Amino acid sequence: MINYDPLWETMKKRHVSQYDLYTHYGIKRSLLHRLRKNMNVEIYTLDRFCSILDCNIEDIVQYVPDDKAGKKLKDAAEDDDKASPDKNK
């Protein structure tokens, strides 16, 4: 899951408020709502935030593994291990 918690910390460090974003930079309030709810946004939006805040992508976004997705990947890897022949024999 993509999480935007670092964005709010970076904004605080850079002294940029949500009011500044929609007043001075044309960021829509609905977009801020989407970010607060960790909803999907376009890469262009993330690029704009990096430019506005003069920061790197990891300063506004973090990846948090989803338990279900992580389990599916682990199960798939185990299935692959069972299906592939042992190379040491």
C-alpha atoms as a PDB file:
ATOM      1  CA  MET A   1       0.000   0.000   0.000  1.00  0.00           C
ATOM      2  CA  ILE A   2       1.217   3.486  -0.789  1.00  0.00           C
ATOM      3  CA  ASN A   3       1.115   5.865   2.144  1.00  0.00           C
ATOM      4  CA  TYR A   4       1.477   9.653   2.022  1.00  0.00           C
ATOM      5  CA  ASP A   5       2.313  10.244   5.691  1.00  0.00           C
ATOM      6  CA  PRO A   6       5.816  11.533   4.827  1.00  0.00           C
ATOM      7  CA  LEU A   7       4.212  14.295   2.734  1.00  0.00           C
ATOM      8  CA  TRP A   8       2.652  15.951   5.764  1.00  0.00           C
ATOM      9  CA  GLU A   9       5.922  15.828   7.703  1.00  0.00           C
ATOM     10  CA  THR A  10       7.847  17.273   4.749  1.00  0.00           C
ATOM     11  CA  MET A  11       5.288  20.052   4.363  1.00  0.00           C
ATOM     12  CA  LYS A  12       5.664  20.868   8.054  1.00  0.00           C
ATOM     13  CA  LYS A  13       9.485  20.945   7.791  1.00  0.00           C
ATOM     14  CA  ARG A  14       9.286  23.191   4.708  1.00  0.00           C
ATOM     15  CA  HIS A  15       6.663  25.451   6.308  1.00  0.00           C
ATOM     16  CA  VAL A  16       4.181  24.848   3.491  1.00  0.00           C
ATOM     17  CA  SER A  17       0.545  24.589   4.570  1.00  0.00           C
ATOM     18  CA  GLN A  18      -2.399  23.050   2.776  1.00  0.00           C
ATOM     19  CA  TYR A  19      -3.704  26.601   2.407  1.00  0.00           C
ATOM     20  CA  ASP A  20      -0.464  27.541   0.594  1.00  0.00           C
ATOM     21  CA  LEU A  21      -0.879  24.575  -1.748  1.00  0.00           C
ATOM     22  CA  TYR A  22      -4.348  25.462  -2.962  1.00  0.00           C
ATOM     23  CA  THR A  23      -3.901  29.239  -2.821  1.00  0.00           C
ATOM     24  CA  HIS A  24      -0.416  29.706  -4.284  1.00  0.00           C
ATOM     25  CA  TYR A  25       0.203  26.487  -6.238  1.00  0.00           C
ATOM     26  CA  GLY A  26      -3.236  25.617  -7.615  1.00  0.00           C
ATOM     27  CA  ILE A  27      -3.501  22.262  -5.835  1.00  0.00           C
ATOM     28  CA  LYS A  28      -7.172  21.331  -5.545  1.00  0.00           C
ATOM     29  CA  ARG A  29      -8.648  20.571  -2.151  1.00  0.00           C
ATOM     30  CA  SER A  30     -10.059  17.329  -3.525  1.00  0.00           C
ATOM     31  CA  LEU A  31      -6.496  16.215  -4.322  1.00  0.00           C
ATOM     32  CA  LEU A  32      -5.418  16.956  -0.750  1.00  0.00           C
ATOM     33  CA  HIS A  33      -8.369  14.870   0.414  1.00  0.00           C
ATOM     34  CA  ARG A  34      -7.210  11.977  -1.790  1.00  0.00           C
ATOM     35  CA  LEU A  35      -3.725  12.224  -0.278  1.00  0.00           C
ATOM     36  CA  ARG A  36      -5.080  12.333   3.286  1.00  0.00           C
ATOM     37  CA  LYS A  37      -7.034   9.136   2.551  1.00  0.00           C
ATOM     38  CA  ASN A  38      -4.028   7.448   0.846  1.00  0.00           C
ATOM     39  CA  MET A  39      -5.978   7.120  -2.384  1.00  0.00           C
ATOM     40  CA  ASN A  40      -4.485   6.824  -5.877  1.00  0.00           C
ATOM     41  CA  VAL A  41      -2.933   9.919  -7.439  1.00  0.00           C
ATOM     42  CA  GLU A  42      -1.091  10.416 -10.703  1.00  0.00           C
ATOM     43  CA  ILE A  43       2.687  10.404 -11.010  1.00  0.00           C
ATOM     44  CA  TYR A  44       2.420  13.955 -12.369  1.00  0.00           C
ATOM     45  CA  THR A  45       0.918  14.990  -9.009  1.00  0.00           C
ATOM     46  CA  LEU A  46       3.812  13.461  -7.098  1.00  0.00           C
ATOM     47  CA  ASP A  47       6.226  15.226  -9.427  1.00  0.00           C
ATOM     48  CA  ARG A  48       4.502  18.553  -8.725  1.00  0.00           C
ATOM     49  CA  PHE A  49       4.764  18.017  -4.981  1.00  0.00           C
ATOM     50  CA  CYS A  50       8.464  17.184  -5.287  1.00  0.00           C
ATOM     51  CA  SER A  51       8.964  20.421  -7.236  1.00  0.00           C
ATOM     52  CA  ILE A  52       6.904  22.543  -4.840  1.00  0.00           C
ATOM     53  CA  LEU A  53       8.591  21.119  -1.742  1.00  0.00           C
ATOM     54  CA  ASP A  54      12.044  20.772  -3.331  1.00  0.00           C
ATOM     55  CA  CYS A  55      12.329  17.181  -2.159  1.00  0.00           C
ATOM     56  CA  ASN A  56      12.704  13.580  -3.338  1.00  0.00           C
ATOM     57  CA  ILE A  57       9.838  11.150  -3.877  1.00  0.00           C
ATOM     58  CA  GLU A  58      10.658   9.262  -0.674  1.00  0.00           C
ATOM     59  CA  ASP A  59      10.043  12.513   1.237  1.00  0.00           C
ATOM     60  CA  ILE A  60       6.365  12.372   0.271  1.00  0.00           C
ATOM     61  CA  VAL A  61       5.560   8.689  -0.324  1.00  0.00           C
ATOM     62  CA  GLN A  62       6.303   5.444   1.444  1.00  0.00           C
ATOM     63  CA  TYR A  63       5.478   1.855   0.610  1.00  0.00           C
ATOM     64  CA  VAL A  64       3.904  -0.208   3.369  1.00  0.00           C
ATOM     65  CA  PRO A  65       3.515  -3.900   2.514  1.00  0.00           C
ATOM     66  CA  ASP A  66      -0.063  -5.100   2.573  1.00  0.00           C
ATOM     67  CA  ASP A  67      -0.407  -8.339   4.564  1.00  0.00           C
ATOM     68  CA  LYS A  68      -2.613  -9.973   1.935  1.00  0.00           C
ATOM     69  CA  ALA A  69      -0.346  -8.999  -0.951  1.00  0.00           C
ATOM     70  CA  GLY A  70       2.720 -10.112   0.986  1.00  0.00           C
ATOM     71  CA  LYS A  71       1.126 -13.476   1.757  1.00  0.00           C
ATOM     72  CA  LYS A  72       0.170 -14.004  -1.901  1.00  0.00           C
ATOM     73  CA  LEU A  73       3.748 -13.292  -3.007  1.00  0.00           C
ATOM     74  CA  LYS A  74       5.143 -15.627  -0.356  1.00  0.00           C
ATOM     75  CA  ASP A  75       2.692 -18.393  -1.323  1.00  0.00           C
ATOM     76  CA  ALA A  76       3.532 -17.962  -5.020  1.00  0.00           C
ATOM     77  CA  ALA A  77       7.265 -18.186  -4.262  1.00  0.00           C
ATOM     78  CA  GLU A  78       6.717 -21.372  -2.249  1.00  0.00           C
ATOM     79  CA  ASP A  79       4.680 -22.859  -5.104  1.00  0.00           C
ATOM     80  CA  ASP A  80       7.519 -22.033  -7.514  1.00  0.00           C
ATOM     81  CA  ASP A  81      10.018 -23.733  -5.208  1.00  0.00           C
ATOM     82  CA  LYS A  82       7.868 -26.881  -5.078  1.00  0.00           C
ATOM     83  CA  ALA A  83       7.392 -26.943  -8.859  1.00  0.00           C
ATOM     84  CA  SER A  84      11.042 -26.448  -9.819  1.00  0.00           C
ATOM     85  CA  PRO A  85      13.318 -29.510  -9.777  1.00  0.00           C
ATOM     86  CA  ASP A  86      16.196 -29.599  -7.320  1.00  0.00           C
ATOM     87  CA  LYS A  87      19.286 -28.445  -9.211  1.00  0.00           C
ATOM     88  CA  ASN A  88      21.695 -30.111  -6.782  1.00  0.00           C
ATOM     89  CA  LYS A  89      20.679 -33.665  -7.757  1.00  0.00           C
END
